[in-house]
Amino acid sequence: MAAALRFSTEGMRPSDRLPFWNAGSVAIGGVEADALADSPFSGTVVRRTLGAATVFGMTTTPHRAAWTTRLIRRASAELPLRLCFQQRGRTVLLGDGAEHVVGPGHWFLADGRRPYVSVHPEPSRKIALQVPIVRFDKAERDAIRRMAGGFPVDGGIARMLEACLDTALADETSRDERLDGDLGETLIDFFRLMIREKQAESSPASMRELTQDRIRSYVRRNLSNPELSVEMIAQAMKCSKRYIHKLFRGDQTISEYIWALRLDQCRAILSEPGGGEITLTQLAFDNGFSSSAHFSRAFRDRFGRPPRVFRAERQGASSPGDKIAARERTSQPA
């Protein structure tokens, strides 16, 4: 696992603490903080990046934090969704004309699609899982939009996820980074299960929704298999291809869902620190594409620019992967 990184205002001059804290927060899609009361702000955060997921542990003095329309515009397609477990102190959530007080032993969502303010009137400790909102499908995003306020950590899924986040932050040593993406996807799946658990409390899921969830889970487990197809899914689900198509009619088709997940996964890999080490051809084949040209066209259609340009923006134009690809092109006979 990649080592957890620790940032703290400890030892800094009081006047430097908030600028330092906000610069680090905004750089990773976070909120902007202001101090409360007369005492200077101080805070410590431990962060670990696990593929598309980011895990935080934050200890802070009283302060006010805001997610503004300016930050939303800056985030663009990277709008974050944070699942926060309140472990000490209170968080007062202000948004959409409502106020919700979240105390220890509860969790809440901070939805990056709309502005909000969180007030921490006393020393606070929380852990959070941050995931790009694009990693959730339309039904999940609609459900998230309706989930306001805090919820008790009383379900088995919530308790397990909180324990997983604590464990992910406990070890600050560096291990095998190849496991990071898998662990991040597992945490995201737990996140999805929590959303569905809350949905089920208000309205039981239909058989159609339950079957769709089973299919989506199967697709995610087999995403790198180039043989993944509607026929393969139908065989695994013991149903007809026609039934699979019918389940996803009127929403994103099953084929669109598969290719969207593959492209999201490729995009996450290209954004990682080691994303410059892999050639685009290898990335395409590892994620089920039939050719690098097919991958490049699909990536450009979904994200507005080719994968090579995207990686150059994230990694720097001289990444090893781009150099390898250039050598491959120049070594081919005319």
Protein backbone atom coordinates (compact mmCIF):
# COMPACT_ATOMS: atom_id res chain seq x y z
CA MET A 1 0.00 0.00 0.00
CA ALA A 2 1.19 3.55 -0.65
CA ALA A 3 2.20 5.27 2.56
CA ALA A 4 -0.29 7.52 4.31
CA LEU A 5 0.74 11.18 4.21
CA ARG A 6 0.44 13.39 7.28
CA PHE A 7 0.01 17.18 7.20
CA SER A 8 -0.26 19.36 10.28
CA THR A 9 -0.21 23.00 11.31
CA GLU A 10 1.73 22.00 14.42
CA GLY A 11 4.69 24.32 15.02
CA MET A 12 3.51 26.89 12.47
CA ARG A 13 2.87 30.55 13.20
CA PRO A 14 -0.86 31.14 13.81
CA SER A 15 -1.08 33.50 10.83
CA ASP A 16 0.28 30.82 8.49
CA ARG A 17 -1.95 27.96 9.55
CA LEU A 18 -5.18 28.64 7.63
CA PRO A 19 -3.44 29.56 4.34
CA PHE A 20 -1.38 26.35 4.59
CA TRP A 21 -4.43 24.26 5.44
CA ASN A 22 -6.59 25.72 2.67
CA ALA A 23 -3.86 25.39 0.03
CA GLY A 24 -3.58 21.67 0.76
CA SER A 25 -7.33 21.17 0.98
CA VAL A 26 -8.19 22.88 -2.30
CA ALA A 27 -5.43 20.99 -4.10
CA ILE A 28 -7.27 17.72 -3.45
CA GLY A 29 -10.79 18.98 -4.06
CA GLY A 30 -11.55 20.02 -0.50
CA VAL A 31 -13.31 22.89 1.26
CA GLU A 32 -12.00 26.27 2.39
CA ALA A 33 -11.80 26.87 6.15
CA ASP A 34 -12.15 29.93 8.40
CA ALA A 35 -11.37 30.00 12.12
CA LEU A 36 -14.06 30.36 14.78
CA ALA A 37 -13.79 32.10 18.16
CA ASP A 38 -10.64 33.91 19.23
CA SER A 39 -8.24 30.97 19.33
CA PRO A 40 -6.07 30.31 16.25
CA PHE A 41 -6.94 27.42 13.99
CA SER A 42 -4.95 24.19 14.09
CA GLY A 43 -5.45 20.91 12.33
CA THR A 44 -3.90 17.60 11.37
CA VAL A 45 -4.88 15.39 8.45
CA VAL A 46 -3.65 11.92 7.48
CA ARG A 47 -4.43 11.05 3.86
CA ARG A 48 -4.05 7.93 1.74
CA THR A 49 -4.84 7.70 -1.97
CA LEU A 50 -6.19 4.32 -3.08
CA GLY A 51 -6.88 4.43 -6.81
CA ALA A 52 -10.01 6.52 -7.36
CA ALA A 53 -10.68 6.69 -3.60
CA THR A 54 -9.05 9.01 -1.09
CA VAL A 55 -9.20 8.36 2.66
CA PHE A 56 -8.81 11.15 5.22
CA GLY A 57 -8.49 11.34 8.97
CA MET A 58 -8.93 14.92 10.23
CA THR A 59 -8.50 16.45 13.68
CA THR A 60 -9.29 20.17 13.90
CA THR A 61 -10.03 23.00 16.31
CA PRO A 62 -13.32 24.96 15.97
CA HIS A 63 -13.73 26.30 12.44
CA ARG A 64 -16.12 26.91 9.60
CA ALA A 65 -15.64 25.21 6.20
CA ALA A 66 -17.36 26.11 2.92
CA TRP A 67 -17.79 24.37 -0.42
CA THR A 68 -18.61 27.26 -2.75
CA THR A 69 -19.80 27.72 -6.31
CA ARG A 70 -16.28 28.90 -7.17
CA LEU A 71 -14.83 25.59 -5.95
CA ILE A 72 -17.51 23.71 -7.87
CA ARG A 73 -16.50 25.48 -11.08
CA ARG A 74 -12.83 24.77 -10.40
CA ALA A 75 -13.53 21.06 -9.78
CA SER A 76 -15.33 20.69 -13.14
CA ALA A 77 -15.72 16.94 -13.89
CA GLU A 78 -13.85 16.02 -10.67
CA LEU A 79 -16.73 16.93 -8.35
CA PRO A 80 -16.09 15.06 -5.09
CA LEU A 81 -18.48 13.14 -2.88
CA ARG A 82 -17.37 12.72 0.73
CA LEU A 83 -18.71 10.18 3.18
CA CYS A 84 -17.74 11.40 6.67
CA PHE A 85 -17.81 9.49 9.95
CA GLN A 86 -18.05 11.89 12.91
CA GLN A 87 -15.93 10.44 15.72
CA ARG A 88 -15.56 13.42 18.09
CA GLY A 89 -17.24 16.80 18.36
CA ARG A 90 -20.16 18.02 16.25
CA THR A 91 -20.61 19.13 12.66
CA VAL A 92 -23.44 21.53 11.79
CA LEU A 93 -24.38 21.16 8.12
CA LEU A 94 -25.94 24.14 6.34
CA GLY A 95 -27.26 23.74 2.80
CA ASP A 96 -30.42 23.91 0.68
CA GLY A 97 -32.04 26.08 3.34
CA ALA A 98 -31.76 23.40 6.04
CA GLU A 99 -29.60 22.80 9.10
CA HIS A 100 -28.52 19.38 10.39
CA VAL A 101 -26.43 18.65 13.49
CA VAL A 102 -24.26 15.53 13.26
CA GLY A 103 -22.72 14.15 16.45
CA PRO A 104 -20.25 11.37 17.26
CA GLY A 105 -21.30 7.93 16.10
CA HIS A 106 -23.05 9.28 13.00
CA TRP A 107 -22.12 9.66 9.33
CA PHE A 108 -23.10 12.19 6.67
CA LEU A 109 -22.55 12.96 3.00
CA ALA A 110 -20.98 16.11 1.58
CA ASP A 111 -22.22 16.33 -2.01
CA GLY A 112 -19.85 18.30 -4.23
CA ARG A 113 -22.55 19.10 -6.80
CA ARG A 114 -24.00 21.88 -4.66
CA PRO A 115 -22.64 24.49 -2.20
CA TYR A 116 -22.72 23.82 1.52
CA VAL A 117 -21.21 25.02 4.78
CA SER A 118 -20.08 22.87 7.69
CA VAL A 119 -19.54 24.48 11.08
CA HIS A 120 -17.43 22.73 13.72
CA PRO A 121 -18.17 24.55 17.00
CA GLU A 122 -15.78 22.43 19.08
CA PRO A 123 -12.64 20.31 18.55
CA SER A 124 -13.55 17.68 16.00
CA ARG A 125 -12.30 14.34 14.72
CA LYS A 126 -13.68 12.63 11.62
CA ILE A 127 -12.61 10.15 8.98
CA ALA A 128 -13.81 10.47 5.41
CA LEU A 129 -13.88 8.62 2.11
CA GLN A 130 -13.79 10.87 -0.96
CA VAL A 131 -14.79 9.54 -4.39
CA PRO A 132 -15.43 11.41 -7.68
CA ILE A 133 -19.19 11.70 -8.14
CA VAL A 134 -18.82 10.34 -11.69
CA ARG A 135 -18.04 6.92 -10.21
CA PHE A 136 -21.72 6.57 -9.27
CA ASP A 137 -24.49 5.85 -11.75
CA LYS A 138 -27.54 8.07 -12.23
CA ALA A 139 -29.77 6.16 -9.80
CA GLU A 140 -27.10 6.33 -7.10
CA ARG A 141 -26.48 10.03 -7.69
CA ASP A 142 -30.22 10.73 -7.44
CA ALA A 143 -30.39 8.80 -4.17
CA ILE A 144 -27.39 10.69 -2.78
CA ARG A 145 -29.04 14.02 -3.61
CA ARG A 146 -32.00 13.07 -1.41
CA MET A 147 -29.87 11.99 1.57
CA ALA A 148 -29.56 15.00 3.87
CA GLY A 149 -28.45 15.09 7.48
CA GLY A 150 -26.65 12.56 9.62
CA PHE A 151 -27.29 8.86 10.04
CA PRO A 152 -26.30 6.62 12.97
CA VAL A 153 -23.50 4.12 12.43
CA ASP A 154 -25.81 1.26 13.37
CA GLY A 155 -25.72 -0.94 10.28
CA GLY A 156 -23.15 -3.65 9.69
CA ILE A 157 -21.99 -2.10 6.43
CA ALA A 158 -21.36 1.32 7.99
CA ARG A 159 -19.43 -0.19 10.90
CA MET A 160 -17.30 -2.29 8.56
CA LEU A 161 -16.50 0.66 6.29
CA GLU A 162 -15.56 2.90 9.22
CA ALA A 163 -13.24 0.17 10.52
CA CYS A 164 -11.70 -0.23 7.04
CA LEU A 165 -11.01 3.50 6.80
CA ASP A 166 -9.41 3.55 10.26
CA THR A 167 -7.23 0.58 9.29
CA ALA A 168 -6.20 2.17 5.98
CA LEU A 169 -4.92 5.24 7.84
CA ALA A 170 -3.27 3.44 10.75
CA ASP A 171 -0.18 2.20 8.88
CA GLU A 172 1.98 5.02 7.54
CA THR A 173 4.57 2.70 5.99
CA SER A 174 4.81 2.07 2.25
CA ARG A 175 3.79 -1.31 0.87
CA ASP A 176 2.84 -2.77 -2.52
CA GLU A 177 1.09 0.05 -4.41
CA ARG A 178 -0.39 -2.44 -6.89
CA LEU A 179 -2.97 -3.30 -4.23
CA ASP A 180 -4.12 0.30 -3.83
CA GLY A 181 -6.54 0.30 -6.76
CA ASP A 182 -8.20 -2.94 -5.64
CA LEU A 183 -8.58 -1.68 -2.08
CA GLY A 184 -10.00 1.62 -3.32
CA GLU A 185 -12.59 -0.20 -5.44
CA THR A 186 -13.58 -2.29 -2.42
CA LEU A 187 -14.14 0.86 -0.37
CA ILE A 188 -16.22 2.37 -3.17
CA ASP A 189 -18.34 -0.81 -3.27
CA PHE A 190 -18.92 -0.49 0.49
CA PHE A 191 -19.95 3.13 -0.15
CA ARG A 192 -22.50 1.94 -2.73
CA LEU A 193 -23.86 -0.67 -0.33
CA MET A 194 -24.40 1.99 2.34
CA ILE A 195 -26.39 4.09 -0.13
CA ARG A 196 -28.52 1.10 -1.09
CA GLU A 197 -29.02 0.18 2.56
CA LYS A 198 -30.46 3.63 3.27
CA GLN A 199 -32.65 3.40 0.16
CA ALA A 200 -33.99 0.04 1.28
CA GLU A 201 -35.05 1.52 4.62
CA SER A 202 -37.37 3.98 2.89
CA SER A 203 -38.53 1.85 -0.06
CA PRO A 204 -37.79 -1.83 -0.67
CA ALA A 205 -35.78 -2.38 -3.83
CA SER A 206 -37.60 -3.95 -6.73
CA MET A 207 -36.46 -7.23 -8.26
CA ARG A 208 -35.33 -5.25 -11.30
CA GLU A 209 -33.06 -3.03 -9.15
CA LEU A 210 -31.65 -6.00 -7.24
CA THR A 211 -30.85 -7.82 -10.48
CA GLN A 212 -29.25 -4.69 -11.93
CA ASP A 213 -27.06 -4.46 -8.82
CA ARG A 214 -25.96 -8.08 -9.22
CA ILE A 215 -25.09 -7.47 -12.86
CA ARG A 216 -23.14 -4.27 -12.11
CA SER A 217 -21.18 -6.09 -9.41
CA TYR A 218 -20.38 -8.94 -11.84
CA VAL A 219 -19.26 -6.43 -14.48
CA ARG A 220 -16.91 -4.66 -12.05
CA ARG A 221 -15.33 -7.98 -11.04
CA ASN A 222 -14.73 -8.97 -14.67
CA LEU A 223 -13.97 -5.57 -16.16
CA SER A 224 -10.47 -6.44 -17.41
CA ASN A 225 -11.69 -9.59 -19.20
CA PRO A 226 -11.76 -8.83 -22.96
CA GLU A 227 -14.42 -11.53 -23.36
CA LEU A 228 -16.86 -9.65 -21.12
CA SER A 229 -20.10 -9.29 -23.08
CA VAL A 230 -23.86 -9.40 -22.72
CA GLU A 231 -23.75 -13.09 -23.58
CA MET A 232 -21.18 -13.79 -20.86
CA ILE A 233 -23.25 -11.85 -18.33
CA ALA A 234 -26.43 -13.68 -19.33
CA GLN A 235 -24.74 -17.04 -18.85
CA ALA A 236 -23.48 -16.03 -15.40
CA MET A 237 -26.91 -14.67 -14.38
CA LYS A 238 -28.76 -17.70 -15.82
CA CYS A 239 -30.99 -15.54 -18.00
CA SER A 240 -31.35 -14.48 -21.65
CA LYS A 241 -29.50 -11.66 -23.38
CA ARG A 242 -32.87 -10.13 -24.19
CA TYR A 243 -33.69 -9.96 -20.48
CA ILE A 244 -30.34 -8.22 -19.76
CA HIS A 245 -31.08 -5.60 -22.42
CA LYS A 246 -34.60 -5.15 -21.04
CA LEU A 247 -33.28 -4.55 -17.51
CA PHE A 248 -31.17 -1.61 -18.71
CA ARG A 249 -33.68 -0.21 -21.18
CA GLY A 250 -34.42 3.49 -20.67
CA ASP A 251 -31.21 3.96 -18.67
CA GLN A 252 -27.58 3.51 -19.62
CA THR A 253 -27.37 0.33 -21.72
CA ILE A 254 -25.31 -2.53 -20.34
CA SER A 255 -22.71 -2.09 -23.11
CA GLU A 256 -22.46 1.64 -22.37
CA TYR A 257 -22.06 0.82 -18.68
CA ILE A 258 -19.18 -1.61 -19.37
CA TRP A 259 -17.27 0.81 -21.59
CA ALA A 260 -17.88 3.74 -19.25
CA LEU A 261 -16.43 1.76 -16.33
CA ARG A 262 -13.42 0.71 -18.40
CA LEU A 263 -12.74 4.29 -19.45
CA ASP A 264 -13.16 5.55 -15.87
CA GLN A 265 -10.66 2.93 -14.72
CA CYS A 266 -8.16 3.92 -17.43
CA ARG A 267 -8.60 7.56 -16.53
CA ALA A 268 -7.91 6.78 -12.85
CA ILE A 269 -4.74 4.85 -13.78
CA LEU A 270 -3.46 7.70 -15.96
CA SER A 271 -4.08 10.12 -13.07
CA GLU A 272 -2.08 8.09 -10.54
CA PRO A 273 1.59 8.90 -9.79
CA GLY A 274 2.66 5.73 -11.62
CA GLY A 275 0.38 6.35 -14.59
CA GLY A 276 3.24 7.54 -16.73
CA GLU A 277 4.99 4.16 -16.57
CA ILE A 278 2.53 2.18 -18.70
CA THR A 279 2.15 2.46 -22.47
CA LEU A 280 -1.28 3.33 -23.81
CA THR A 281 -1.30 0.11 -25.83
CA GLN A 282 -0.75 -1.99 -22.71
CA LEU A 283 -3.37 0.04 -20.82
CA ALA A 284 -5.89 -0.55 -23.61
CA PHE A 285 -5.37 -4.33 -23.70
CA ASP A 286 -5.32 -4.61 -19.89
CA ASN A 287 -8.77 -3.01 -19.76
CA GLY A 288 -10.57 -4.97 -22.45
CA PHE A 289 -10.07 -2.77 -25.53
CA SER A 290 -9.39 -4.47 -28.86
CA SER A 291 -6.77 -1.92 -29.94
CA SER A 292 -5.06 1.27 -28.83
CA ALA A 293 -6.88 3.16 -31.60
CA HIS A 294 -10.25 1.98 -30.29
CA PHE A 295 -9.21 3.01 -26.78
CA SER A 296 -8.00 6.45 -27.91
CA ARG A 297 -11.22 7.23 -29.81
CA ALA A 298 -13.45 6.09 -26.95
CA PHE A 299 -11.40 8.03 -24.37
CA ARG A 300 -11.54 11.22 -26.45
CA ASP A 301 -15.30 10.87 -26.97
CA ARG A 302 -15.91 10.47 -23.22
CA PHE A 303 -13.42 12.94 -21.74
CA GLY A 304 -12.91 15.47 -24.54
CA ARG A 305 -9.23 14.79 -25.22
CA PRO A 306 -7.08 11.79 -26.18
CA PRO A 307 -5.48 9.73 -23.41
CA ARG A 308 -1.98 10.89 -24.39
CA VAL A 309 -2.96 14.53 -23.91
CA PHE A 310 -4.79 13.75 -20.67
CA ARG A 311 -1.76 11.93 -19.26
CA ALA A 312 0.58 14.74 -20.33
CA GLU A 313 -1.58 17.18 -18.36
CA ARG A 314 -1.56 14.97 -15.26
CA GLN A 315 1.94 13.48 -15.39
CA GLY A 316 4.00 15.89 -17.47
CA ALA A 317 4.60 15.60 -21.21
CA SER A 318 7.84 13.65 -20.74
CA SER A 319 6.34 10.66 -18.90
CA PRO A 320 8.17 7.33 -19.43
CA GLY A 321 5.06 5.84 -21.03
CA ASP A 322 4.97 8.54 -23.69
CA LYS A 323 8.68 8.12 -24.35
CA ILE A 324 8.24 4.36 -24.79
CA ALA A 325 5.31 4.91 -27.14
CA ALA A 326 7.36 7.40 -29.17
CA ARG A 327 10.18 4.88 -29.53
CA GLU A 328 7.67 2.24 -30.63
CA ARG A 329 6.35 4.53 -33.35
CA THR A 330 9.78 5.52 -34.67
CA SER A 331 11.02 1.92 -34.71
CA GLN A 332 8.18 0.71 -36.96
CA PRO A 333 9.12 0.30 -40.66
CA ALA A 334 7.76 2.90 -43.05
